[in-house]
Amino acid sequence: MGPSGSGKTTLLNLLATIDTPTSGTVWVDGVNVSKLRGEALAAFRRKKLGFVFQDYNLLDSLSIGENIALPLVLDRKPPSFIKKRVKEISTQLGIEALLDRFPYEVSGGQQQRAAIARAIVHEPALILADEPTGNLDSRSARALMDTFTLINSTVETTILMVTHDPFAASFCQNVYFIRDGRLYAEMHKRDDRRMFFRQIMDALSQMGGGYCEHLADSL
């Protein structure tokens, strides 16, 4: 979390191997990704990273099932394995009945679940989520964060999320506040989610009125 221009997107791009650091190194799952190039970098992205975006980034020309299967197809997994894996993930996320539909035929919340299924179908080491609740109503946002919690606790996949939404942040185990490109503060959940939400709001208010005004505009 942090105000616009604080470095959240830059951090996400560095972890996603989209940008290369000008100094220092970036390690993900024991791999120094800042040293990877070419096919090795492409393979790392394909196998180790999952992405969930605010606008879903589903392909309208593919069915929901085909969208979910895409990472496995690109990794040239056997068709029987792909079919089994897509069914497992879609059932876990409650969208198994939508596999033959196209993205424009389902709701925004269902599209987001399909995007999550695509992000985790290949069992990545890290899921990167950029404002995933930004286009969702409160009910869908709650369902999304419940899904993230389920994935984190059952599949044990690490999820790193950039968000302006303190409600979404309250579901996390740890919240890091960035300001002017540096770590400004950090919080770790010790109490229930409602208490953690209040603590996050208190921390945001201490970061200054400019950020709180931006936060109000985003809610």
C-alpha atoms as a PDB file:
ATOM      1  CA  MET A   1       0.000   0.000   0.000  1.00  0.00           C
ATOM      2  CA  GLY A   2       1.077   3.587  -0.525  1.00  0.00           C
ATOM      3  CA  PRO A   3       0.246   6.829  -2.351  1.00  0.00           C
ATOM      4  CA  SER A   4       0.439   7.162  -6.120  1.00  0.00           C
ATOM      5  CA  GLY A   5       4.048   7.441  -7.237  1.00  0.00           C
ATOM      6  CA  SER A   6       5.405   5.680  -4.158  1.00  0.00           C
ATOM      7  CA  GLY A   7       6.837   2.753  -6.129  1.00  0.00           C
ATOM      8  CA  LYS A   8       4.185   0.035  -5.825  1.00  0.00           C
ATOM      9  CA  THR A   9       3.958  -0.640  -9.560  1.00  0.00           C
ATOM     10  CA  THR A  10       7.736  -0.531  -9.935  1.00  0.00           C
ATOM     11  CA  LEU A  11       8.090  -3.135  -7.190  1.00  0.00           C
ATOM     12  CA  LEU A  12       5.466  -5.325  -8.854  1.00  0.00           C
ATOM     13  CA  ASN A  13       7.212  -5.011 -12.241  1.00  0.00           C
ATOM     14  CA  LEU A  14      10.556  -5.966 -10.703  1.00  0.00           C
ATOM     15  CA  LEU A  15       9.078  -9.077  -9.098  1.00  0.00           C
ATOM     16  CA  ALA A  16       7.263  -9.900 -12.342  1.00  0.00           C
ATOM     17  CA  THR A  17      10.604  -9.678 -14.206  1.00  0.00           C
ATOM     18  CA  ILE A  18       9.105  -6.999 -16.461  1.00  0.00           C
ATOM     19  CA  ASP A  19      11.689  -4.441 -15.264  1.00  0.00           C
ATOM     20  CA  THR A  20      15.352  -5.028 -14.393  1.00  0.00           C
ATOM     21  CA  PRO A  21      16.776  -3.408 -11.247  1.00  0.00           C
ATOM     22  CA  THR A  22      19.480  -0.763 -11.760  1.00  0.00           C
ATOM     23  CA  SER A  23      21.150  -2.043  -8.600  1.00  0.00           C
ATOM     24  CA  GLY A  24      20.651  -4.883  -6.169  1.00  0.00           C
ATOM     25  CA  THR A  25      19.036  -8.243  -6.895  1.00  0.00           C
ATOM     26  CA  VAL A  26      15.558  -9.785  -6.887  1.00  0.00           C
ATOM     27  CA  TRP A  27      15.109 -13.338  -5.619  1.00  0.00           C
ATOM     28  CA  VAL A  28      11.916 -15.344  -6.113  1.00  0.00           C
ATOM     29  CA  ASP A  29      11.627 -18.943  -4.883  1.00  0.00           C
ATOM     30  CA  GLY A  30      15.400 -19.210  -4.498  1.00  0.00           C
ATOM     31  CA  VAL A  31      16.154 -17.867  -7.999  1.00  0.00           C
ATOM     32  CA  ASN A  32      17.966 -14.605  -8.722  1.00  0.00           C
ATOM     33  CA  VAL A  33      15.545 -13.439 -11.408  1.00  0.00           C
ATOM     34  CA  SER A  34      17.537 -10.299 -12.170  1.00  0.00           C
ATOM     35  CA  LYS A  35      20.152 -12.560 -13.783  1.00  0.00           C
ATOM     36  CA  LEU A  36      17.748 -14.453 -16.049  1.00  0.00           C
ATOM     37  CA  ARG A  37      17.622 -13.735 -19.770  1.00  0.00           C
ATOM     38  CA  GLY A  38      15.929 -15.080 -22.899  1.00  0.00           C
ATOM     39  CA  GLU A  39      14.301 -18.497 -22.727  1.00  0.00           C
ATOM     40  CA  ALA A  40      15.299 -19.003 -19.093  1.00  0.00           C
ATOM     41  CA  LEU A  41      13.427 -15.830 -18.144  1.00  0.00           C
ATOM     42  CA  ALA A  42      10.382 -16.795 -20.223  1.00  0.00           C
ATOM     43  CA  ALA A  43      10.316 -20.246 -18.633  1.00  0.00           C
ATOM     44  CA  PHE A  44      10.552 -18.767 -15.138  1.00  0.00           C
ATOM     45  CA  ARG A  45       7.594 -16.437 -15.785  1.00  0.00           C
ATOM     46  CA  ARG A  46       5.580 -19.279 -17.284  1.00  0.00           C
ATOM     47  CA  LYS A  47       6.203 -21.761 -14.486  1.00  0.00           C
ATOM     48  CA  LYS A  48       6.781 -19.742 -11.331  1.00  0.00           C
ATOM     49  CA  LEU A  49       4.568 -16.649 -11.597  1.00  0.00           C
ATOM     50  CA  GLY A  50       0.826 -16.084 -11.729  1.00  0.00           C
ATOM     51  CA  PHE A  51      -0.834 -12.749 -12.484  1.00  0.00           C
ATOM     52  CA  VAL A  52      -4.224 -11.318 -11.450  1.00  0.00           C
ATOM     53  CA  PHE A  53      -5.111  -7.900 -12.859  1.00  0.00           C
ATOM     54  CA  GLN A  54      -7.844  -5.354 -12.215  1.00  0.00           C
ATOM     55  CA  ASP A  55      -9.292  -5.772 -15.729  1.00  0.00           C
ATOM     56  CA  TYR A  56      -9.014  -9.609 -15.693  1.00  0.00           C
ATOM     57  CA  ASN A  57      -7.073  -9.799 -19.036  1.00  0.00           C
ATOM     58  CA  LEU A  58      -9.109 -12.768 -20.251  1.00  0.00           C
ATOM     59  CA  LEU A  59      -9.118 -13.465 -24.002  1.00  0.00           C
ATOM     60  CA  ASP A  60     -12.632 -12.989 -25.400  1.00  0.00           C
ATOM     61  CA  SER A  61     -11.926 -15.381 -28.275  1.00  0.00           C
ATOM     62  CA  LEU A  62     -11.360 -18.254 -25.826  1.00  0.00           C
ATOM     63  CA  SER A  63     -13.857 -19.935 -23.530  1.00  0.00           C
ATOM     64  CA  ILE A  64     -13.454 -19.698 -19.767  1.00  0.00           C
ATOM     65  CA  GLY A  65     -12.002 -23.210 -19.737  1.00  0.00           C
ATOM     66  CA  GLU A  66      -9.545 -22.378 -22.520  1.00  0.00           C
ATOM     67  CA  ASN A  67      -8.466 -19.210 -20.727  1.00  0.00           C
ATOM     68  CA  ILE A  68      -7.755 -21.182 -17.554  1.00  0.00           C
ATOM     69  CA  ALA A  69      -5.848 -23.838 -19.501  1.00  0.00           C
ATOM     70  CA  LEU A  70      -3.631 -21.334 -21.342  1.00  0.00           C
ATOM     71  CA  PRO A  71      -0.559 -21.509 -19.030  1.00  0.00           C
ATOM     72  CA  LEU A  72      -0.579 -25.310 -19.264  1.00  0.00           C
ATOM     73  CA  VAL A  73      -0.986 -25.231 -23.043  1.00  0.00           C
ATOM     74  CA  LEU A  74       1.954 -22.843 -23.361  1.00  0.00           C
ATOM     75  CA  ASP A  75       3.971 -25.195 -21.154  1.00  0.00           C
ATOM     76  CA  ARG A  76       3.006 -28.076 -23.489  1.00  0.00           C
ATOM     77  CA  LYS A  77       1.376 -30.226 -20.841  1.00  0.00           C
ATOM     78  CA  PRO A  78      -0.529 -33.352 -22.030  1.00  0.00           C
ATOM     79  CA  PRO A  79      -4.216 -32.738 -22.911  1.00  0.00           C
ATOM     80  CA  SER A  80      -5.390 -35.270 -20.320  1.00  0.00           C
ATOM     81  CA  PHE A  81      -3.449 -33.478 -17.576  1.00  0.00           C
ATOM     82  CA  ILE A  82      -4.765 -30.087 -18.706  1.00  0.00           C
ATOM     83  CA  LYS A  83      -8.384 -31.274 -18.666  1.00  0.00           C
ATOM     84  CA  LYS A  84      -8.020 -32.781 -15.196  1.00  0.00           C
ATOM     85  CA  ARG A  85      -6.235 -29.747 -13.767  1.00  0.00           C
ATOM     86  CA  VAL A  86      -8.729 -27.233 -15.203  1.00  0.00           C
ATOM     87  CA  LYS A  87     -11.607 -29.228 -13.732  1.00  0.00           C
ATOM     88  CA  GLU A  88      -9.936 -29.351 -10.298  1.00  0.00           C
ATOM     89  CA  ILE A  89      -9.244 -25.618 -10.162  1.00  0.00           C
ATOM     90  CA  SER A  90     -12.607 -24.531 -11.578  1.00  0.00           C
ATOM     91  CA  THR A  91     -14.427 -26.758  -9.075  1.00  0.00           C
ATOM     92  CA  GLN A  92     -12.374 -25.322  -6.217  1.00  0.00           C
ATOM     93  CA  LEU A  93     -13.347 -21.792  -7.294  1.00  0.00           C
ATOM     94  CA  GLY A  94     -16.997 -22.602  -8.023  1.00  0.00           C
ATOM     95  CA  ILE A  95     -16.933 -21.900 -11.769  1.00  0.00           C
ATOM     96  CA  GLU A  96     -16.964 -25.444 -13.142  1.00  0.00           C
ATOM     97  CA  ALA A  97     -20.358 -24.805 -14.806  1.00  0.00           C
ATOM     98  CA  LEU A  98     -18.935 -21.860 -16.774  1.00  0.00           C
ATOM     99  CA  LEU A  99     -16.074 -23.561 -18.613  1.00  0.00           C
ATOM    100  CA  ASP A 100     -17.823 -23.562 -22.008  1.00  0.00           C
ATOM    101  CA  ARG A 101     -18.933 -19.941 -21.785  1.00  0.00           C
ATOM    102  CA  PHE A 102     -17.005 -16.947 -23.055  1.00  0.00           C
ATOM    103  CA  PRO A 103     -15.807 -14.102 -20.801  1.00  0.00           C
ATOM    104  CA  TYR A 104     -18.447 -11.666 -22.105  1.00  0.00           C
ATOM    105  CA  GLU A 105     -21.165 -14.148 -21.117  1.00  0.00           C
ATOM    106  CA  VAL A 106     -20.368 -14.172 -17.377  1.00  0.00           C
ATOM    107  CA  SER A 107     -20.326 -11.570 -14.601  1.00  0.00           C
ATOM    108  CA  GLY A 108     -17.346  -9.508 -13.517  1.00  0.00           C
ATOM    109  CA  GLY A 109     -16.938 -11.547 -10.350  1.00  0.00           C
ATOM    110  CA  GLN A 110     -16.991 -14.781 -12.368  1.00  0.00           C
ATOM    111  CA  GLN A 111     -14.427 -13.357 -14.797  1.00  0.00           C
ATOM    112  CA  GLN A 112     -12.185 -12.501 -11.862  1.00  0.00           C
ATOM    113  CA  ARG A 113     -12.462 -16.046 -10.521  1.00  0.00           C
ATOM    114  CA  ALA A 114     -11.547 -17.350 -13.968  1.00  0.00           C
ATOM    115  CA  ALA A 115      -8.524 -15.039 -13.961  1.00  0.00           C
ATOM    116  CA  ILE A 116      -7.528 -16.401 -10.540  1.00  0.00           C
ATOM    117  CA  ALA A 117      -7.953 -19.971 -11.801  1.00  0.00           C
ATOM    118  CA  ARG A 118      -5.667 -19.180 -14.745  1.00  0.00           C
ATOM    119  CA  ALA A 119      -3.134 -17.643 -12.336  1.00  0.00           C
ATOM    120  CA  ILE A 120      -2.912 -20.728 -10.104  1.00  0.00           C
ATOM    121  CA  VAL A 121      -3.575 -23.613 -12.523  1.00  0.00           C
ATOM    122  CA  HIS A 122       0.177 -24.197 -13.040  1.00  0.00           C
ATOM    123  CA  GLU A 123       0.901 -24.001  -9.276  1.00  0.00           C
ATOM    124  CA  PRO A 124       3.164 -20.925  -9.310  1.00  0.00           C
ATOM    125  CA  ALA A 125       5.506 -19.975  -6.492  1.00  0.00           C
ATOM    126  CA  LEU A 126       4.144 -16.421  -6.412  1.00  0.00           C
ATOM    127  CA  ILE A 127       0.901 -14.729  -7.467  1.00  0.00           C
ATOM    128  CA  LEU A 128       1.118 -11.015  -8.232  1.00  0.00           C
ATOM    129  CA  ALA A 129      -2.193  -9.148  -7.952  1.00  0.00           C
ATOM    130  CA  ASP A 130      -2.486  -5.520  -9.125  1.00  0.00           C
ATOM    131  CA  GLU A 131      -5.562  -3.797  -7.628  1.00  0.00           C
ATOM    132  CA  PRO A 132      -7.642  -6.993  -8.085  1.00  0.00           C
ATOM    133  CA  THR A 133     -10.740  -5.561  -6.345  1.00  0.00           C
ATOM    134  CA  GLY A 134     -10.667  -2.263  -8.243  1.00  0.00           C
ATOM    135  CA  ASN A 135     -13.491  -3.122 -10.666  1.00  0.00           C
ATOM    136  CA  LEU A 136     -15.598  -5.199  -8.275  1.00  0.00           C
ATOM    137  CA  ASP A 137     -18.587  -4.329  -6.113  1.00  0.00           C
ATOM    138  CA  SER A 138     -18.314  -4.959  -2.378  1.00  0.00           C
ATOM    139  CA  ARG A 139     -19.875  -8.421  -2.540  1.00  0.00           C
ATOM    140  CA  SER A 140     -17.591  -9.583  -5.362  1.00  0.00           C
ATOM    141  CA  ALA A 141     -14.572  -8.019  -3.625  1.00  0.00           C
ATOM    142  CA  ARG A 142     -15.364  -9.986  -0.467  1.00  0.00           C
ATOM    143  CA  ALA A 143     -15.715 -13.186  -2.498  1.00  0.00           C
ATOM    144  CA  LEU A 144     -12.388 -12.531  -4.211  1.00  0.00           C
ATOM    145  CA  MET A 145     -10.539 -11.977  -0.946  1.00  0.00           C
ATOM    146  CA  ASP A 146     -12.140 -15.090   0.554  1.00  0.00           C
ATOM    147  CA  THR A 147     -10.841 -16.969  -2.503  1.00  0.00           C
ATOM    148  CA  PHE A 148      -7.338 -15.563  -2.039  1.00  0.00           C
ATOM    149  CA  THR A 149      -7.441 -16.612   1.616  1.00  0.00           C
ATOM    150  CA  LEU A 150      -8.495 -20.128   0.595  1.00  0.00           C
ATOM    151  CA  ILE A 151      -5.707 -20.385  -1.977  1.00  0.00           C
ATOM    152  CA  ASN A 152      -3.108 -19.136   0.485  1.00  0.00           C
ATOM    153  CA  SER A 153      -4.175 -21.545   3.218  1.00  0.00           C
ATOM    154  CA  THR A 154      -4.795 -24.680   1.122  1.00  0.00           C
ATOM    155  CA  VAL A 155      -2.485 -24.444  -1.889  1.00  0.00           C
ATOM    156  CA  GLU A 156       0.037 -22.456   0.205  1.00  0.00           C
ATOM    157  CA  THR A 157       0.849 -20.096  -2.659  1.00  0.00           C
ATOM    158  CA  THR A 158       2.282 -16.713  -1.704  1.00  0.00           C
ATOM    159  CA  ILE A 159       0.172 -13.784  -2.926  1.00  0.00           C
ATOM    160  CA  LEU A 160       1.581 -10.272  -3.202  1.00  0.00           C
ATOM    161  CA  MET A 161      -1.137  -7.690  -3.785  1.00  0.00           C
ATOM    162  CA  VAL A 162      -0.989  -3.979  -4.548  1.00  0.00           C
ATOM    163  CA  THR A 163      -4.130  -2.255  -3.319  1.00  0.00           C
ATOM    164  CA  HIS A 164      -5.581   1.065  -2.185  1.00  0.00           C
ATOM    165  CA  ASP A 165      -8.449  -0.764  -0.480  1.00  0.00           C
ATOM    166  CA  PRO A 166      -8.023  -1.201   3.309  1.00  0.00           C
ATOM    167  CA  PHE A 167     -10.859  -3.751   3.299  1.00  0.00           C
ATOM    168  CA  ALA A 168      -8.909  -5.960   0.886  1.00  0.00           C
ATOM    169  CA  ALA A 169      -5.681  -5.358   2.793  1.00  0.00           C
ATOM    170  CA  SER A 170      -7.306  -6.518   6.037  1.00  0.00           C
ATOM    171  CA  PHE A 171      -7.446 -10.082   4.647  1.00  0.00           C
ATOM    172  CA  CYS A 172      -3.652 -10.186   4.318  1.00  0.00           C
ATOM    173  CA  GLN A 173      -1.220 -11.540   6.877  1.00  0.00           C
ATOM    174  CA  ASN A 174       1.228  -8.679   6.369  1.00  0.00           C
ATOM    175  CA  VAL A 175       0.820  -5.137   5.018  1.00  0.00           C
ATOM    176  CA  TYR A 176       3.788  -3.066   3.854  1.00  0.00           C
ATOM    177  CA  PHE A 177       3.467   0.665   3.318  1.00  0.00           C
ATOM    178  CA  ILE A 178       5.706   2.270   0.693  1.00  0.00           C
ATOM    179  CA  ARG A 179       6.449   5.965   0.464  1.00  0.00           C
ATOM    180  CA  ASP A 180       8.860   7.710  -1.929  1.00  0.00           C
ATOM    181  CA  GLY A 181      10.286   4.402  -3.090  1.00  0.00           C
ATOM    182  CA  ARG A 182      11.123   3.133   0.378  1.00  0.00           C
ATOM    183  CA  LEU A 183       9.537   0.962   3.022  1.00  0.00           C
ATOM    184  CA  TYR A 184       7.674   3.372   5.291  1.00  0.00           C
ATOM    185  CA  ALA A 185       6.023   0.982   7.758  1.00  0.00           C
ATOM    186  CA  GLU A 186       4.833  -2.586   8.089  1.00  0.00           C
ATOM    187  CA  MET A 187       2.033  -4.319   9.958  1.00  0.00           C
ATOM    188  CA  HIS A 188       1.430  -7.970  10.794  1.00  0.00           C
ATOM    189  CA  LYS A 189      -1.965  -9.388  11.619  1.00  0.00           C
ATOM    190  CA  ARG A 190      -2.215 -10.528  15.214  1.00  0.00           C
ATOM    191  CA  ASP A 191      -5.893  -9.974  15.977  1.00  0.00           C
ATOM    192  CA  ASP A 192      -9.059 -10.611  13.997  1.00  0.00           C
ATOM    193  CA  ARG A 193      -9.628  -9.032  10.591  1.00  0.00           C
ATOM    194  CA  ARG A 194     -11.832  -6.206  11.871  1.00  0.00           C
ATOM    195  CA  MET A 195      -9.183  -5.098  14.326  1.00  0.00           C
ATOM    196  CA  PHE A 196      -6.545  -5.324  11.606  1.00  0.00           C
ATOM    197  CA  PHE A 197      -8.737  -3.180   9.337  1.00  0.00           C
ATOM    198  CA  ARG A 198      -8.872  -0.451  11.992  1.00  0.00           C
ATOM    199  CA  GLN A 199      -5.113  -0.625  12.444  1.00  0.00           C
ATOM    200  CA  ILE A 200      -4.606  -0.239   8.689  1.00  0.00           C
ATOM    201  CA  MET A 201      -6.919   2.777   8.600  1.00  0.00           C
ATOM    202  CA  ASP A 202      -4.976   4.370  11.471  1.00  0.00           C
ATOM    203  CA  ALA A 203      -1.696   3.795   9.629  1.00  0.00           C
ATOM    204  CA  LEU A 204      -3.083   5.309   6.422  1.00  0.00           C
ATOM    205  CA  SER A 205      -4.244   8.415   8.266  1.00  0.00           C
ATOM    206  CA  GLN A 206      -0.724   8.874   9.607  1.00  0.00           C
ATOM    207  CA  MET A 207       0.700   8.783   6.073  1.00  0.00           C
ATOM    208  CA  GLY A 208      -0.875  12.149   5.321  1.00  0.00           C
ATOM    209  CA  GLY A 209      -4.040  13.738   4.009  1.00  0.00           C
ATOM    210  CA  GLY A 210      -3.001  13.486   0.370  1.00  0.00           C
ATOM    211  CA  TYR A 211      -3.022   9.725   0.474  1.00  0.00           C
ATOM    212  CA  CYS A 212      -6.309   9.598   2.386  1.00  0.00           C
ATOM    213  CA  GLU A 213      -7.953  11.869  -0.215  1.00  0.00           C
ATOM    214  CA  HIS A 214      -6.739   9.537  -2.978  1.00  0.00           C
ATOM    215  CA  LEU A 215      -8.015   6.558  -0.971  1.00  0.00           C
ATOM    216  CA  ALA A 216     -11.452   8.152  -0.603  1.00  0.00           C
ATOM    217  CA  ASP A 217     -11.628   8.684  -4.369  1.00  0.00           C
ATOM    218  CA  SER A 218     -10.814   5.030  -4.997  1.00  0.00           C
ATOM    219  CA  LEU A 219     -13.479   3.568  -2.692  1.00  0.00           C
END
